[in-house]
Amino acid sequence: MSDSTNYPPPPADGTPPPQQPAPGAYPPPPAYTSPNPDAPVPGRTLGIVAFILSFFVQLVALILGIVALVQSRKAGAKNGWAVAAIIVSAILMVIGIIVGIVLIGVAVGAAEEFARLCADLGPGQHTLDNGVTITCG
């Protein structure tokens, strides 16, 4: 008689061979349990800190928001605070860059106007028609 399964030969010392489990005799896998809703979400506190900082220090908030989001995603959780921090800090950074460029343009324009005015008036102190005194030279 031929057996289609390949069981190892019995040990030579006379001890009985280990019993092979019958097909389907394995215990069922443990039931899935949802994560504890009271457990802290990794990165959540960092996301809240990043959101608060996004109004004051945008670059730091952007970095912290990304770190918080990565931590939460690795744990399989959502982190709305981190997403909000990333969005707010990115928008405020863009607005800050635009305002900075405009202010630099205004300052350069005012400096050019002052240089042109001093070139017309010559060196020394001058009082303009509106009562402002400027010093050239």
Protein backbone atom coordinates (compact mmCIF):
# COMPACT_ATOMS: atom_id res chain seq x y z
CA MET A 1 0.00 0.00 0.00
CA SER A 2 1.36 3.38 -0.96
CA ASP A 3 0.66 6.56 0.99
CA SER A 4 0.62 9.76 -1.05
CA THR A 5 1.79 11.89 1.89
CA ASN A 6 5.45 12.06 2.71
CA TYR A 7 5.71 11.60 6.45
CA PRO A 8 9.19 11.35 7.96
CA PRO A 9 10.29 7.82 8.90
CA PRO A 10 9.79 6.80 12.54
CA PRO A 11 12.74 7.51 14.84
CA ALA A 12 15.18 4.62 15.29
CA ASP A 13 15.06 4.76 19.11
CA GLY A 14 11.51 3.42 19.23
CA THR A 15 9.70 6.57 20.29
CA PRO A 16 6.44 7.14 18.46
CA PRO A 17 6.59 9.59 15.54
CA PRO A 18 5.10 13.07 16.03
CA GLN A 19 1.45 13.20 15.12
CA GLN A 20 0.59 15.16 12.02
CA PRO A 21 -2.58 17.23 12.36
CA ALA A 22 -5.48 16.07 10.31
CA PRO A 23 -6.46 18.34 7.40
CA GLY A 24 -8.71 21.10 8.65
CA ALA A 25 -7.70 20.47 12.27
CA TYR A 26 -5.81 23.76 12.60
CA PRO A 27 -7.37 26.24 15.00
CA PRO A 28 -9.12 29.19 13.38
CA PRO A 29 -7.19 32.45 13.21
CA PRO A 30 -7.89 34.92 15.98
CA ALA A 31 -10.85 37.18 15.37
CA TYR A 32 -10.06 40.68 14.12
CA THR A 33 -10.55 43.29 16.77
CA SER A 34 -10.73 46.96 15.98
CA PRO A 35 -8.08 49.16 17.52
CA ASN A 36 -8.83 50.68 20.86
CA PRO A 37 -10.60 53.99 20.17
CA ASP A 38 -9.13 55.45 23.36
CA ALA A 39 -5.55 54.69 22.30
CA PRO A 40 -3.60 57.78 21.27
CA VAL A 41 -3.05 58.21 17.54
CA PRO A 42 0.66 58.47 16.76
CA GLY A 43 1.44 61.92 15.47
CA ARG A 44 -1.82 63.50 16.57
CA THR A 45 -0.27 65.76 19.22
CA LEU A 46 2.49 66.70 16.82
CA GLY A 47 -0.16 67.53 14.21
CA ILE A 48 -1.95 69.86 16.64
CA VAL A 49 1.34 71.57 17.51
CA ALA A 50 2.12 71.93 13.80
CA PHE A 51 -1.32 73.44 13.17
CA ILE A 52 -0.82 76.07 15.88
CA LEU A 53 2.68 76.88 14.63
CA SER A 54 1.45 77.16 11.04
CA PHE A 55 0.16 80.66 11.83
CA PHE A 56 3.50 81.87 13.19
CA VAL A 57 6.42 79.78 11.90
CA GLN A 58 5.31 78.28 8.61
CA LEU A 59 8.45 76.36 7.62
CA VAL A 60 8.72 74.61 10.99
CA ALA A 61 4.99 73.86 10.94
CA LEU A 62 5.22 72.40 7.44
CA ILE A 63 8.00 70.04 8.48
CA LEU A 64 6.26 69.01 11.71
CA GLY A 65 2.98 68.50 9.85
CA ILE A 66 4.63 66.18 7.35
CA VAL A 67 6.34 64.21 10.14
CA ALA A 68 3.03 63.90 12.04
CA LEU A 69 1.21 62.76 8.91
CA VAL A 70 3.83 60.10 8.16
CA GLN A 71 3.66 58.80 11.74
CA SER A 72 -0.13 58.57 11.60
CA ARG A 73 -0.18 56.89 8.21
CA LYS A 74 2.32 54.26 9.40
CA ALA A 75 -0.07 53.46 12.25
CA GLY A 76 -2.98 53.32 9.82
CA ALA A 77 -4.75 56.34 11.31
CA LYS A 78 -5.95 59.59 9.82
CA ASN A 79 -4.60 62.89 11.10
CA GLY A 80 -6.66 65.89 10.03
CA TRP A 81 -4.62 68.25 12.20
CA ALA A 82 -1.45 67.41 10.31
CA VAL A 83 -3.16 67.82 6.94
CA ALA A 84 -4.58 71.18 8.01
CA ALA A 85 -1.16 72.28 9.28
CA ILE A 86 0.45 71.38 5.96
CA ILE A 87 -2.20 73.23 3.95
CA VAL A 88 -2.28 76.37 6.15
CA SER A 89 1.50 76.64 6.42
CA ALA A 90 1.98 76.14 2.67
CA ILE A 91 -0.62 78.79 1.81
CA LEU A 92 0.78 81.28 4.32
CA MET A 93 4.32 80.66 3.06
CA VAL A 94 3.24 81.44 -0.51
CA ILE A 95 1.42 84.59 0.66
CA GLY A 96 4.48 85.62 2.69
CA ILE A 97 6.78 85.17 -0.30
CA ILE A 98 4.46 87.26 -2.50
CA VAL A 99 4.23 90.02 0.13
CA GLY A 100 8.01 89.95 0.57
CA ILE A 101 8.58 90.34 -3.17
CA VAL A 102 6.13 93.26 -3.30
CA LEU A 103 7.78 94.98 -0.32
CA ILE A 104 11.23 94.57 -1.85
CA GLY A 105 9.92 96.04 -5.11
CA VAL A 106 8.43 99.03 -3.27
CA ALA A 107 11.66 99.58 -1.31
CA VAL A 108 13.78 99.43 -4.47
CA GLY A 109 11.40 101.84 -6.22
CA ALA A 110 11.55 104.27 -3.28
CA ALA A 111 15.35 104.09 -3.22
CA GLU A 112 15.50 104.80 -6.95
CA GLU A 113 13.11 107.74 -6.51
CA PHE A 114 15.23 109.10 -3.66
CA ALA A 115 18.41 108.73 -5.74
CA ARG A 116 16.77 110.53 -8.68
CA LEU A 117 15.53 113.31 -6.41
CA CYS A 118 18.98 113.78 -4.86
CA ALA A 119 20.55 113.80 -8.31
CA ASP A 120 18.20 116.66 -9.29
CA LEU A 121 18.69 118.66 -6.06
CA GLY A 122 22.41 118.11 -5.46
CA PRO A 123 24.21 117.48 -2.13
CA GLY A 124 23.05 119.08 1.11
CA GLN A 125 19.82 119.39 3.11
CA HIS A 126 16.66 120.22 1.20
CA THR A 127 13.13 120.95 2.35
CA LEU A 128 10.49 119.71 -0.07
CA ASP A 129 7.17 121.43 -0.84
CA ASN A 130 5.33 119.11 1.60
CA GLY A 131 7.66 120.09 4.49
CA VAL A 132 9.80 116.95 4.48
CA THR A 133 13.54 117.56 4.89
CA ILE A 134 15.95 115.25 3.10
CA THR A 135 19.71 115.06 3.18
CA CYS A 136 21.55 114.19 -0.04
CA GLY A 137 25.17 113.49 -0.67
